[in-house]
Amino acid sequence: MVQLPQSLLWDHNAHYHSWLLRKLPQRSARALDVGCGTGAFARELAERAEHVDAVDVSPEMIERASGAPASNVRWLCGDLLDLSLDASGYDAVTAISSLHHMPLRPALRRLAELVRPGGTLAVVGHYRKQTPTDFALDAVTLPANAAVGAYKAARGRAGKPHDEGMPVKDPANTLLEIRTAAAEILPGAVVHRRLFWRYTLLWRNTHH
């Protein structure tokens, strides 16, 4: 990936917050944010949910996240695959740039278990580029990335304030592998390739 000058860097994950909020219930009893980082999206969820569990494997991230009060958010440090979470499940489950830090199929199974019947799972993730289409998309994404960075910088909104200290890992799975695993584990899941080196996955638990 071509690195923009520091002054033009911007938060790709935050770019997808509005998409996530559009796909999730307007009101919910319980929500779960996996890989919450410094807690920016968990706090947005907290405005729509009675209770939010926000999970991150990094003690530093949880310490920073919990530094800003949010009375209906429970900050949990640990691995999603090991943590004891609400057995009754959640109405909304989100994972932003965190799924690639875990083994794909076990993580998808765990996420599916945590979505209540009628609930929604929404993921914004990274994939490993492999196909000609993956690489060809850079012809669109790279100029768009720079243009958005310049636009935000001109308005004083550039920068990546939440990135410092955040664990970084290259994605291991291709988009095809992610789509295949989702089809097996999350029947009816919709996976879309997105700009800015991301994909989205949306699944509704239709079991009653």
N, C-alpha and C. Protein backbone atom coordinates (compact mmCIF):
# COMPACT_ATOMS: atom_id res chain seq x y z
N MET A 1 0.85 -1.18 0.00
CA MET A 1 0.00 0.00 0.00
C MET A 1 0.89 1.24 0.00
N VAL A 2 0.53 2.22 -0.86
CA VAL A 2 1.29 3.46 -0.91
C VAL A 2 0.97 4.27 0.34
N GLN A 3 2.00 4.75 1.02
CA GLN A 3 1.82 5.49 2.26
C GLN A 3 1.64 6.98 1.95
N LEU A 4 0.55 7.55 2.44
CA LEU A 4 0.33 8.98 2.27
C LEU A 4 1.23 9.75 3.23
N PRO A 5 1.51 11.03 2.92
CA PRO A 5 2.21 11.87 3.90
C PRO A 5 1.41 11.91 5.20
N GLN A 6 2.12 12.08 6.30
CA GLN A 6 1.48 12.08 7.62
C GLN A 6 0.29 13.04 7.68
N SER A 7 0.44 14.17 7.02
CA SER A 7 -0.61 15.20 7.08
C SER A 7 -1.90 14.80 6.39
N LEU A 8 -1.82 13.77 5.53
CA LEU A 8 -3.02 13.35 4.77
C LEU A 8 -3.60 12.02 5.25
N LEU A 9 -3.04 11.46 6.31
CA LEU A 9 -3.58 10.20 6.81
C LEU A 9 -4.96 10.44 7.43
N TRP A 10 -5.83 9.42 7.32
CA TRP A 10 -7.17 9.55 7.90
C TRP A 10 -7.67 8.17 8.31
N ASP A 11 -8.75 8.14 9.07
CA ASP A 11 -9.23 6.93 9.73
C ASP A 11 -10.20 6.16 8.81
N HIS A 12 -9.69 5.10 8.17
CA HIS A 12 -10.54 4.30 7.28
C HIS A 12 -11.65 3.59 8.03
N ASN A 13 -11.36 3.12 9.23
CA ASN A 13 -12.39 2.40 9.98
C ASN A 13 -13.58 3.30 10.30
N ALA A 14 -13.28 4.53 10.74
CA ALA A 14 -14.36 5.46 11.08
C ALA A 14 -15.23 5.76 9.85
N HIS A 15 -14.64 5.67 8.66
CA HIS A 15 -15.37 5.90 7.42
C HIS A 15 -16.57 4.95 7.32
N TYR A 16 -16.45 3.76 7.90
CA TYR A 16 -17.51 2.76 7.78
C TYR A 16 -18.46 2.72 8.98
N HIS A 17 -18.27 3.60 9.95
CA HIS A 17 -19.18 3.62 11.11
C HIS A 17 -20.62 3.88 10.68
N SER A 18 -20.80 4.80 9.74
CA SER A 18 -22.17 5.13 9.33
C SER A 18 -22.83 3.94 8.63
N TRP A 19 -22.07 3.18 7.85
CA TRP A 19 -22.62 1.97 7.22
C TRP A 19 -23.07 0.98 8.29
N LEU A 20 -22.23 0.76 9.29
CA LEU A 20 -22.57 -0.17 10.37
C LEU A 20 -23.85 0.27 11.07
N LEU A 21 -23.95 1.53 11.40
CA LEU A 21 -25.13 2.01 12.14
C LEU A 21 -26.40 1.87 11.31
N ARG A 22 -26.29 2.04 9.99
CA ARG A 22 -27.47 1.87 9.13
C ARG A 22 -27.96 0.43 9.12
N LYS A 23 -27.04 -0.52 9.29
CA LYS A 23 -27.40 -1.94 9.18
C LYS A 23 -27.85 -2.55 10.51
N LEU A 24 -27.60 -1.86 11.61
CA LEU A 24 -27.91 -2.40 12.93
C LEU A 24 -29.26 -1.89 13.41
N PRO A 25 -29.87 -2.58 14.39
CA PRO A 25 -31.16 -2.11 14.92
C PRO A 25 -31.05 -0.70 15.49
N GLN A 26 -32.11 0.08 15.31
CA GLN A 26 -32.14 1.44 15.86
C GLN A 26 -32.03 1.42 17.38
N ARG A 27 -32.69 0.44 17.99
CA ARG A 27 -32.61 0.27 19.43
C ARG A 27 -32.38 -1.21 19.72
N SER A 28 -31.57 -1.51 20.70
CA SER A 28 -31.34 -2.91 21.08
C SER A 28 -31.04 -2.99 22.57
N ALA A 29 -31.29 -4.17 23.12
CA ALA A 29 -31.03 -4.37 24.54
C ALA A 29 -29.54 -4.55 24.79
N ARG A 30 -28.91 -5.40 23.98
CA ARG A 30 -27.50 -5.71 24.21
C ARG A 30 -26.75 -5.71 22.88
N ALA A 31 -25.55 -5.13 22.91
CA ALA A 31 -24.71 -5.10 21.71
C ALA A 31 -23.28 -5.49 22.11
N LEU A 32 -22.55 -6.02 21.14
CA LEU A 32 -21.17 -6.45 21.36
C LEU A 32 -20.29 -5.88 20.26
N ASP A 33 -19.19 -5.23 20.66
CA ASP A 33 -18.21 -4.73 19.70
C ASP A 33 -16.90 -5.48 19.92
N VAL A 34 -16.46 -6.22 18.91
CA VAL A 34 -15.29 -7.09 19.02
C VAL A 34 -14.08 -6.39 18.41
N GLY A 35 -13.02 -6.24 19.18
CA GLY A 35 -11.86 -5.49 18.72
C GLY A 35 -12.14 -4.01 18.82
N CYS A 36 -12.57 -3.58 20.00
CA CYS A 36 -13.11 -2.22 20.17
C CYS A 36 -12.05 -1.14 20.10
N GLY A 37 -10.75 -1.50 20.21
CA GLY A 37 -9.71 -0.47 20.17
C GLY A 37 -9.90 0.54 21.28
N THR A 38 -9.86 1.82 20.92
CA THR A 38 -10.02 2.86 21.94
C THR A 38 -11.48 3.18 22.24
N GLY A 39 -12.40 2.43 21.62
CA GLY A 39 -13.80 2.50 22.02
C GLY A 39 -14.67 3.48 21.27
N ALA A 40 -14.18 4.05 20.17
CA ALA A 40 -14.96 5.06 19.45
C ALA A 40 -16.31 4.52 18.98
N PHE A 41 -16.30 3.33 18.35
CA PHE A 41 -17.57 2.80 17.84
C PHE A 41 -18.43 2.24 18.97
N ALA A 42 -17.82 1.66 19.98
CA ALA A 42 -18.59 1.14 21.12
C ALA A 42 -19.42 2.25 21.74
N ARG A 43 -18.86 3.46 21.80
CA ARG A 43 -19.61 4.59 22.37
C ARG A 43 -20.78 4.99 21.46
N GLU A 44 -20.59 4.85 20.15
CA GLU A 44 -21.72 5.11 19.24
C GLU A 44 -22.81 4.06 19.45
N LEU A 45 -22.41 2.81 19.60
CA LEU A 45 -23.38 1.75 19.88
C LEU A 45 -24.12 2.03 21.19
N ALA A 46 -23.41 2.56 22.16
CA ALA A 46 -24.00 2.79 23.48
C ALA A 46 -25.13 3.81 23.45
N GLU A 47 -25.19 4.62 22.40
CA GLU A 47 -26.29 5.58 22.27
C GLU A 47 -27.56 4.91 21.78
N ARG A 48 -27.43 3.65 21.29
CA ARG A 48 -28.59 2.95 20.73
C ARG A 48 -28.91 1.66 21.47
N ALA A 49 -28.03 1.24 22.36
CA ALA A 49 -28.23 -0.03 23.07
C ALA A 49 -28.26 0.22 24.58
N GLU A 50 -29.05 -0.58 25.27
CA GLU A 50 -29.12 -0.45 26.72
C GLU A 50 -27.79 -0.85 27.37
N HIS A 51 -27.13 -1.84 26.78
CA HIS A 51 -25.85 -2.29 27.31
C HIS A 51 -24.94 -2.71 26.17
N VAL A 52 -23.66 -2.34 26.26
CA VAL A 52 -22.66 -2.73 25.27
C VAL A 52 -21.50 -3.44 25.96
N ASP A 53 -21.13 -4.60 25.45
CA ASP A 53 -19.88 -5.25 25.83
C ASP A 53 -18.86 -4.91 24.75
N ALA A 54 -17.74 -4.32 25.15
CA ALA A 54 -16.68 -3.94 24.21
C ALA A 54 -15.43 -4.74 24.54
N VAL A 55 -14.95 -5.53 23.59
CA VAL A 55 -13.88 -6.50 23.82
C VAL A 55 -12.65 -6.13 23.00
N ASP A 56 -11.49 -6.23 23.62
CA ASP A 56 -10.24 -6.11 22.86
C ASP A 56 -9.17 -6.95 23.54
N VAL A 57 -8.30 -7.54 22.74
CA VAL A 57 -7.26 -8.41 23.28
C VAL A 57 -6.10 -7.59 23.86
N SER A 58 -6.05 -6.30 23.53
CA SER A 58 -4.94 -5.45 23.96
C SER A 58 -5.26 -4.74 25.28
N PRO A 59 -4.50 -5.00 26.34
CA PRO A 59 -4.73 -4.28 27.60
C PRO A 59 -4.58 -2.77 27.43
N GLU A 60 -3.65 -2.35 26.58
CA GLU A 60 -3.45 -0.91 26.38
C GLU A 60 -4.69 -0.26 25.77
N MET A 61 -5.29 -0.95 24.79
CA MET A 61 -6.49 -0.39 24.16
C MET A 61 -7.64 -0.29 25.17
N ILE A 62 -7.83 -1.33 25.97
CA ILE A 62 -8.91 -1.33 26.96
C ILE A 62 -8.67 -0.24 28.00
N GLU A 63 -7.43 -0.07 28.39
CA GLU A 63 -7.12 0.97 29.37
C GLU A 63 -7.46 2.35 28.81
N ARG A 64 -7.09 2.57 27.55
CA ARG A 64 -7.39 3.86 26.93
C ARG A 64 -8.90 4.03 26.73
N ALA A 65 -9.57 2.96 26.31
CA ALA A 65 -11.01 3.05 26.06
C ALA A 65 -11.78 3.35 27.34
N SER A 66 -11.41 2.69 28.41
CA SER A 66 -12.15 2.83 29.66
C SER A 66 -11.85 4.14 30.37
N GLY A 67 -10.88 4.90 29.85
CA GLY A 67 -10.56 6.19 30.45
C GLY A 67 -11.64 7.23 30.24
N ALA A 68 -12.48 7.04 29.20
CA ALA A 68 -13.59 7.95 28.95
C ALA A 68 -14.87 7.31 29.45
N PRO A 69 -15.56 7.91 30.41
CA PRO A 69 -16.72 7.27 31.03
C PRO A 69 -17.83 6.96 30.03
N ALA A 70 -18.41 5.78 30.17
CA ALA A 70 -19.58 5.38 29.39
C ALA A 70 -20.33 4.39 30.28
N SER A 71 -21.39 4.86 30.91
CA SER A 71 -22.02 4.10 31.99
C SER A 71 -22.61 2.77 31.55
N ASN A 72 -23.01 2.65 30.29
CA ASN A 72 -23.63 1.41 29.83
C ASN A 72 -22.70 0.56 28.96
N VAL A 73 -21.38 0.82 29.05
CA VAL A 73 -20.40 0.01 28.33
C VAL A 73 -19.55 -0.76 29.33
N ARG A 74 -19.41 -2.06 29.09
CA ARG A 74 -18.50 -2.89 29.89
C ARG A 74 -17.28 -3.20 29.04
N TRP A 75 -16.10 -2.74 29.49
CA TRP A 75 -14.86 -2.94 28.74
C TRP A 75 -14.22 -4.26 29.18
N LEU A 76 -13.96 -5.14 28.23
CA LEU A 76 -13.45 -6.48 28.54
C LEU A 76 -12.16 -6.73 27.79
N CYS A 77 -11.11 -7.08 28.51
CA CYS A 77 -9.84 -7.40 27.90
C CYS A 77 -9.70 -8.91 27.76
N GLY A 78 -9.51 -9.39 26.53
CA GLY A 78 -9.34 -10.82 26.33
C GLY A 78 -9.63 -11.23 24.91
N ASP A 79 -9.42 -12.50 24.64
CA ASP A 79 -9.63 -13.09 23.32
C ASP A 79 -11.08 -13.50 23.18
N LEU A 80 -11.71 -13.08 22.10
CA LEU A 80 -13.12 -13.42 21.85
C LEU A 80 -13.37 -14.92 21.99
N LEU A 81 -12.41 -15.73 21.53
CA LEU A 81 -12.61 -17.18 21.52
C LEU A 81 -12.53 -17.79 22.91
N ASP A 82 -12.00 -17.04 23.88
CA ASP A 82 -11.84 -17.57 25.24
C ASP A 82 -12.75 -16.91 26.25
N LEU A 83 -13.20 -15.70 25.97
CA LEU A 83 -13.96 -14.94 26.96
C LEU A 83 -15.33 -15.56 27.22
N SER A 84 -15.78 -15.44 28.44
CA SER A 84 -17.14 -15.83 28.80
C SER A 84 -18.04 -14.61 28.59
N LEU A 85 -18.91 -14.68 27.60
CA LEU A 85 -19.79 -13.56 27.27
C LEU A 85 -21.25 -13.97 27.47
N ASP A 86 -22.13 -13.02 27.30
CA ASP A 86 -23.56 -13.24 27.59
C ASP A 86 -24.09 -14.44 26.80
N ALA A 87 -24.48 -15.49 27.53
CA ALA A 87 -24.92 -16.73 26.88
C ALA A 87 -26.23 -16.54 26.11
N SER A 88 -27.01 -15.53 26.47
CA SER A 88 -28.28 -15.30 25.78
C SER A 88 -28.08 -14.58 24.45
N GLY A 89 -26.86 -14.09 24.22
CA GLY A 89 -26.54 -13.47 22.94
C GLY A 89 -26.83 -11.98 22.89
N TYR A 90 -26.60 -11.41 21.72
CA TYR A 90 -26.69 -9.97 21.52
C TYR A 90 -27.57 -9.66 20.31
N ASP A 91 -28.24 -8.52 20.38
CA ASP A 91 -29.07 -8.07 19.24
C ASP A 91 -28.19 -7.54 18.11
N ALA A 92 -27.04 -6.98 18.46
CA ALA A 92 -26.12 -6.43 17.46
C ALA A 92 -24.70 -6.84 17.83
N VAL A 93 -23.97 -7.39 16.86
CA VAL A 93 -22.57 -7.76 17.06
C VAL A 93 -21.76 -7.12 15.93
N THR A 94 -20.69 -6.42 16.29
CA THR A 94 -19.86 -5.76 15.28
C THR A 94 -18.40 -6.15 15.46
N ALA A 95 -17.67 -6.13 14.37
CA ALA A 95 -16.23 -6.37 14.38
C ALA A 95 -15.62 -5.48 13.30
N ILE A 96 -14.82 -4.50 13.73
CA ILE A 96 -14.22 -3.55 12.79
C ILE A 96 -12.71 -3.78 12.78
N SER A 97 -12.20 -4.25 11.64
CA SER A 97 -10.76 -4.49 11.47
C SER A 97 -10.18 -5.37 12.58
N SER A 98 -10.95 -6.35 13.03
CA SER A 98 -10.48 -7.24 14.09
C SER A 98 -10.53 -8.71 13.70
N LEU A 99 -11.38 -9.08 12.73
CA LEU A 99 -11.55 -10.49 12.40
C LEU A 99 -10.26 -11.12 11.89
N HIS A 100 -9.43 -10.35 11.19
CA HIS A 100 -8.19 -10.92 10.63
C HIS A 100 -7.14 -11.18 11.70
N HIS A 101 -7.38 -10.76 12.93
CA HIS A 101 -6.47 -11.08 14.04
C HIS A 101 -6.76 -12.46 14.64
N MET A 102 -7.82 -13.11 14.15
CA MET A 102 -8.25 -14.40 14.71
C MET A 102 -8.33 -15.45 13.60
N PRO A 103 -8.29 -16.75 13.96
CA PRO A 103 -8.52 -17.78 12.94
C PRO A 103 -9.94 -17.64 12.39
N LEU A 104 -10.06 -17.62 11.07
CA LEU A 104 -11.30 -17.20 10.42
C LEU A 104 -12.52 -18.03 10.83
N ARG A 105 -12.47 -19.34 10.60
CA ARG A 105 -13.67 -20.14 10.85
C ARG A 105 -14.06 -20.19 12.33
N PRO A 106 -13.12 -20.44 13.25
CA PRO A 106 -13.51 -20.39 14.67
C PRO A 106 -14.10 -19.04 15.08
N ALA A 107 -13.55 -17.96 14.55
CA ALA A 107 -14.07 -16.63 14.89
C ALA A 107 -15.48 -16.43 14.34
N LEU A 108 -15.73 -16.85 13.10
CA LEU A 108 -17.07 -16.71 12.53
C LEU A 108 -18.08 -17.56 13.29
N ARG A 109 -17.68 -18.76 13.68
CA ARG A 109 -18.59 -19.61 14.47
C ARG A 109 -18.92 -18.96 15.81
N ARG A 110 -17.90 -18.41 16.46
CA ARG A 110 -18.12 -17.75 17.75
C ARG A 110 -19.02 -16.53 17.60
N LEU A 111 -18.78 -15.75 16.57
CA LEU A 111 -19.63 -14.58 16.34
C LEU A 111 -21.07 -15.00 16.08
N ALA A 112 -21.26 -16.06 15.29
CA ALA A 112 -22.61 -16.55 15.00
C ALA A 112 -23.32 -16.99 16.28
N GLU A 113 -22.60 -17.65 17.17
CA GLU A 113 -23.18 -18.10 18.44
C GLU A 113 -23.66 -16.93 19.29
N LEU A 114 -23.02 -15.79 19.14
CA LEU A 114 -23.30 -14.65 20.00
C LEU A 114 -24.42 -13.75 19.48
N VAL A 115 -24.93 -14.04 18.27
CA VAL A 115 -26.02 -13.25 17.72
C VAL A 115 -27.35 -13.91 18.08
N ARG A 116 -28.17 -13.19 18.78
CA ARG A 116 -29.49 -13.71 19.16
C ARG A 116 -30.35 -13.95 17.91
N PRO A 117 -31.33 -14.85 17.99
CA PRO A 117 -32.31 -14.95 16.90
C PRO A 117 -32.93 -13.58 16.62
N GLY A 118 -32.92 -13.18 15.35
CA GLY A 118 -33.40 -11.86 14.98
C GLY A 118 -32.33 -10.79 15.03
N GLY A 119 -31.16 -11.13 15.55
CA GLY A 119 -30.07 -10.16 15.68
C GLY A 119 -29.23 -10.05 14.41
N THR A 120 -28.30 -9.11 14.43
CA THR A 120 -27.49 -8.78 13.25
C THR A 120 -26.01 -8.81 13.58
N LEU A 121 -25.24 -9.40 12.67
CA LEU A 121 -23.77 -9.34 12.72
C LEU A 121 -23.30 -8.47 11.57
N ALA A 122 -22.49 -7.46 11.88
CA ALA A 122 -21.94 -6.58 10.84
C ALA A 122 -20.43 -6.49 11.03
N VAL A 123 -19.68 -6.81 9.97
CA VAL A 123 -18.22 -6.85 10.02
C VAL A 123 -17.65 -5.91 8.97
N VAL A 124 -16.64 -5.15 9.34
CA VAL A 124 -15.79 -4.44 8.38
C VAL A 124 -14.40 -5.05 8.54
N GLY A 125 -13.90 -5.67 7.48
CA GLY A 125 -12.66 -6.43 7.62
C GLY A 125 -11.65 -6.17 6.54
N HIS A 126 -10.48 -6.78 6.75
CA HIS A 126 -9.37 -6.72 5.78
C HIS A 126 -9.24 -8.08 5.10
N TYR A 127 -8.81 -8.08 3.84
CA TYR A 127 -8.55 -9.33 3.14
C TYR A 127 -7.17 -9.25 2.47
N ARG A 128 -6.63 -10.42 2.18
CA ARG A 128 -5.32 -10.48 1.51
C ARG A 128 -5.53 -10.39 0.00
N LYS A 129 -4.86 -9.44 -0.62
CA LYS A 129 -5.00 -9.29 -2.06
C LYS A 129 -4.36 -10.48 -2.79
N GLN A 130 -5.07 -11.00 -3.77
CA GLN A 130 -4.55 -12.16 -4.52
C GLN A 130 -4.91 -12.09 -6.00
N THR A 131 -6.15 -11.71 -6.31
CA THR A 131 -6.62 -11.78 -7.69
C THR A 131 -6.28 -10.50 -8.46
N PRO A 132 -6.33 -10.58 -9.82
CA PRO A 132 -6.12 -9.36 -10.61
C PRO A 132 -7.09 -8.24 -10.23
N THR A 133 -8.32 -8.60 -9.90
CA THR A 133 -9.31 -7.59 -9.49
C THR A 133 -8.87 -6.89 -8.22
N ASP A 134 -8.34 -7.67 -7.27
CA ASP A 134 -7.86 -7.07 -6.01
C ASP A 134 -6.83 -5.99 -6.29
N PHE A 135 -5.88 -6.30 -7.14
CA PHE A 135 -4.80 -5.36 -7.42
C PHE A 135 -5.26 -4.22 -8.33
N ALA A 136 -6.18 -4.53 -9.25
CA ALA A 136 -6.69 -3.50 -10.14
C ALA A 136 -7.46 -2.43 -9.38
N LEU A 137 -8.09 -2.82 -8.28
CA LEU A 137 -8.87 -1.87 -7.49
C LEU A 137 -8.00 -0.75 -6.93
N ASP A 138 -6.71 -1.03 -6.76
CA ASP A 138 -5.80 0.01 -6.25
C ASP A 138 -5.78 1.23 -7.18
N ALA A 139 -6.05 1.01 -8.46
CA ALA A 139 -6.07 2.13 -9.41
C ALA A 139 -7.16 3.14 -9.05
N VAL A 140 -8.21 2.66 -8.39
CA VAL A 140 -9.29 3.54 -7.93
C VAL A 140 -9.04 3.96 -6.49
N THR A 141 -8.63 3.00 -5.67
CA THR A 141 -8.53 3.25 -4.23
C THR A 141 -7.42 4.22 -3.87
N LEU A 142 -6.25 4.08 -4.50
CA LEU A 142 -5.13 4.95 -4.13
C LEU A 142 -5.41 6.43 -4.38
N PRO A 143 -5.91 6.82 -5.57
CA PRO A 143 -6.26 8.24 -5.76
C PRO A 143 -7.38 8.69 -4.83
N ALA A 144 -8.39 7.82 -4.61
CA ALA A 144 -9.50 8.17 -3.73
C ALA A 144 -9.00 8.38 -2.30
N ASN A 145 -8.08 7.52 -1.88
CA ASN A 145 -7.52 7.62 -0.53
C ASN A 145 -6.81 8.97 -0.35
N ALA A 146 -6.01 9.35 -1.34
CA ALA A 146 -5.31 10.63 -1.27
C ALA A 146 -6.27 11.80 -1.33
N ALA A 147 -7.31 11.69 -2.15
CA ALA A 147 -8.28 12.79 -2.28
C ALA A 147 -9.05 13.01 -0.98
N VAL A 148 -9.47 11.91 -0.34
CA VAL A 148 -10.19 12.03 0.93
C VAL A 148 -9.26 12.62 1.99
N GLY A 149 -8.00 12.16 1.99
CA GLY A 149 -7.04 12.69 2.95
C GLY A 149 -6.85 14.19 2.78
N ALA A 150 -6.75 14.65 1.52
CA ALA A 150 -6.57 16.08 1.25
C ALA A 150 -7.82 16.86 1.66
N TYR A 151 -9.00 16.30 1.38
CA TYR A 151 -10.27 16.95 1.75
C TYR A 151 -10.36 17.12 3.26
N LYS A 152 -10.05 16.06 4.00
CA LYS A 152 -10.13 16.12 5.46
C LYS A 152 -9.06 17.06 6.03
N ALA A 153 -7.86 17.02 5.45
CA ALA A 153 -6.79 17.90 5.93
C ALA A 153 -7.18 19.37 5.76
N ALA A 154 -7.83 19.69 4.64
CA ALA A 154 -8.23 21.07 4.38
C ALA A 154 -9.26 21.56 5.39
N ARG A 155 -9.99 20.61 5.97
CA ARG A 155 -11.02 20.95 6.95
C ARG A 155 -10.60 20.63 8.38
N GLY A 156 -9.30 20.31 8.53
CA GLY A 156 -8.79 20.06 9.88
C GLY A 156 -9.25 18.75 10.48
N ARG A 157 -9.64 17.80 9.62
CA ARG A 157 -10.18 16.53 10.14
C ARG A 157 -9.33 15.33 9.75
N ALA A 158 -8.10 15.57 9.29
CA ALA A 158 -7.22 14.44 8.95
C ALA A 158 -6.62 13.88 10.23
N GLY A 159 -5.83 12.84 10.06
CA GLY A 159 -5.18 12.22 11.22
C GLY A 159 -5.86 10.92 11.61
N LYS A 160 -5.10 10.10 12.35
CA LYS A 160 -5.60 8.80 12.81
C LYS A 160 -5.39 8.73 14.32
N PRO A 161 -6.22 9.46 15.07
CA PRO A 161 -5.97 9.61 16.51
C PRO A 161 -6.08 8.32 17.31
N HIS A 162 -6.78 7.33 16.76
CA HIS A 162 -7.00 6.10 17.52
C HIS A 162 -5.98 5.01 17.22
N ASP A 163 -5.04 5.28 16.30
CA ASP A 163 -4.16 4.21 15.83
C ASP A 163 -2.96 3.93 16.73
N GLU A 164 -2.53 4.90 17.51
CA GLU A 164 -1.31 4.75 18.27
C GLU A 164 -1.40 3.57 19.24
N GLY A 165 -0.45 2.65 19.13
CA GLY A 165 -0.42 1.50 20.03
C GLY A 165 -1.35 0.36 19.64
N MET A 166 -2.12 0.56 18.58
CA MET A 166 -3.09 -0.48 18.19
C MET A 166 -2.35 -1.64 17.50
N PRO A 167 -2.67 -2.88 17.90
CA PRO A 167 -2.01 -4.02 17.28
C PRO A 167 -2.26 -4.06 15.77
N VAL A 168 -1.24 -4.39 15.00
CA VAL A 168 -1.35 -4.43 13.53
C VAL A 168 -0.97 -5.83 13.06
N LYS A 169 -1.75 -6.35 12.13
CA LYS A 169 -1.46 -7.68 11.57
C LYS A 169 -1.93 -7.71 10.13
N ASP A 170 -1.13 -8.29 9.24
CA ASP A 170 -1.55 -8.42 7.85
C ASP A 170 -2.61 -9.51 7.73
N PRO A 171 -3.62 -9.31 6.89
CA PRO A 171 -4.65 -10.34 6.74
C PRO A 171 -4.11 -11.59 6.06
N ALA A 172 -4.55 -12.75 6.52
CA ALA A 172 -4.08 -14.02 5.96
C ALA A 172 -5.04 -14.58 4.92
N ASN A 173 -6.32 -14.19 4.99
CA ASN A 173 -7.34 -14.79 4.15
C ASN A 173 -7.71 -13.91 2.97
N THR A 174 -7.88 -14.55 1.80
CA THR A 174 -8.34 -13.83 0.61
C THR A 174 -9.84 -13.59 0.72
N LEU A 175 -10.34 -12.73 -0.14
CA LEU A 175 -11.78 -12.45 -0.16
C LEU A 175 -12.57 -13.71 -0.50
N LEU A 176 -12.05 -14.52 -1.40
CA LEU A 176 -12.73 -15.78 -1.73
C LEU A 176 -12.80 -16.70 -0.52
N GLU A 177 -11.72 -16.80 0.22
CA GLU A 177 -11.72 -17.65 1.43
C GLU A 177 -12.72 -17.14 2.46
N ILE A 178 -12.81 -15.84 2.58
CA ILE A 178 -13.76 -15.25 3.54
C ILE A 178 -15.19 -15.53 3.08
N ARG A 179 -15.46 -15.35 1.79
CA ARG A 179 -16.81 -15.61 1.26
C ARG A 179 -17.18 -17.09 1.43
N THR A 180 -16.22 -17.97 1.19
CA THR A 180 -16.49 -19.41 1.31
C THR A 180 -16.80 -19.78 2.75
N ALA A 181 -16.01 -19.28 3.68
CA ALA A 181 -16.24 -19.57 5.10
C ALA A 181 -17.57 -18.98 5.56
N ALA A 182 -17.89 -17.78 5.12
CA ALA A 182 -19.15 -17.15 5.51
C ALA A 182 -20.34 -17.95 4.98
N ALA A 183 -20.25 -18.44 3.74
CA ALA A 183 -21.34 -19.24 3.17
C ALA A 183 -21.57 -20.52 3.97
N GLU A 184 -20.49 -21.11 4.47
CA GLU A 184 -20.61 -22.34 5.26
C GLU A 184 -21.19 -22.10 6.65
N ILE A 185 -20.77 -21.02 7.28
CA ILE A 185 -21.05 -20.81 8.70
C ILE A 185 -22.22 -19.86 8.93
N LEU A 186 -22.40 -18.91 8.01
CA LEU A 186 -23.43 -17.87 8.17
C LEU A 186 -24.34 -17.88 6.94
N PRO A 187 -25.28 -18.81 6.87
CA PRO A 187 -26.14 -18.91 5.68
C PRO A 187 -26.85 -17.59 5.41
N GLY A 188 -26.74 -17.13 4.17
CA GLY A 188 -27.40 -15.89 3.78
C GLY A 188 -26.55 -14.65 4.01
N ALA A 189 -25.33 -14.81 4.52
CA ALA A 189 -24.46 -13.66 4.75
C ALA A 189 -24.13 -12.97 3.42
N VAL A 190 -24.05 -11.66 3.45
CA VAL A 190 -23.71 -10.87 2.26
C VAL A 190 -22.33 -10.26 2.47
N VAL A 191 -21.40 -10.59 1.57
CA VAL A 191 -20.02 -10.08 1.65
C VAL A 191 -19.76 -9.21 0.43
N HIS A 192 -19.34 -7.97 0.66
CA HIS A 192 -19.04 -7.05 -0.44
C HIS A 192 -17.61 -6.53 -0.33
N ARG A 193 -16.94 -6.46 -1.45
CA ARG A 193 -15.65 -5.77 -1.52
C ARG A 193 -15.92 -4.27 -1.44
N ARG A 194 -15.10 -3.56 -0.67
CA ARG A 194 -15.27 -2.12 -0.51
C ARG A 194 -13.98 -1.37 -0.85
N LEU A 195 -14.11 -0.08 -0.98
CA LEU A 195 -12.93 0.76 -1.15
C LEU A 195 -12.09 0.77 0.13
N PHE A 196 -10.90 1.26 0.00
CA PHE A 196 -9.97 1.46 1.12
C PHE A 196 -9.60 0.14 1.79
N TRP A 197 -9.38 -0.88 0.94
CA TRP A 197 -8.80 -2.16 1.38
C TRP A 197 -9.66 -2.85 2.45
N ARG A 198 -10.96 -2.79 2.27
CA ARG A 198 -11.89 -3.38 3.23
C ARG A 198 -12.93 -4.23 2.50
N TYR A 199 -13.59 -5.09 3.29
CA TYR A 199 -14.81 -5.75 2.84
C TYR A 199 -15.83 -5.57 3.95
N THR A 200 -17.09 -5.74 3.62
CA THR A 200 -18.13 -5.76 4.65
C THR A 200 -18.86 -7.09 4.59
N LEU A 201 -19.27 -7.55 5.74
CA LEU A 201 -20.05 -8.79 5.87
C LEU A 201 -21.27 -8.46 6.72
N LEU A 202 -22.44 -8.84 6.23
CA LEU A 202 -23.68 -8.61 6.96
C LEU A 202 -24.47 -9.90 7.05
N TRP A 203 -24.88 -10.26 8.26
CA TRP A 203 -25.64 -11.50 8.47
C TRP A 203 -26.72 -11.26 9.51
N ARG A 204 -27.91 -11.75 9.20
CA ARG A 204 -29.01 -11.68 10.17
C ARG A 204 -29.38 -13.10 10.59
N ASN A 205 -29.46 -13.31 11.89
CA ASN A 205 -29.80 -14.63 12.44
C ASN A 205 -31.31 -14.81 12.35
N THR A 206 -31.75 -15.59 11.37
CA THR A 206 -33.18 -15.74 11.12
C THR A 206 -33.80 -16.89 11.90
N HIS A 207 -32.99 -17.59 12.71
CA HIS A 207 -33.54 -18.68 13.51
C HIS A 207 -34.42 -18.15 14.62
N HIS A 208 -35.48 -18.88 14.90
CA HIS A 208 -36.41 -18.47 15.97
C HIS A 208 -36.44 -19.54 17.05
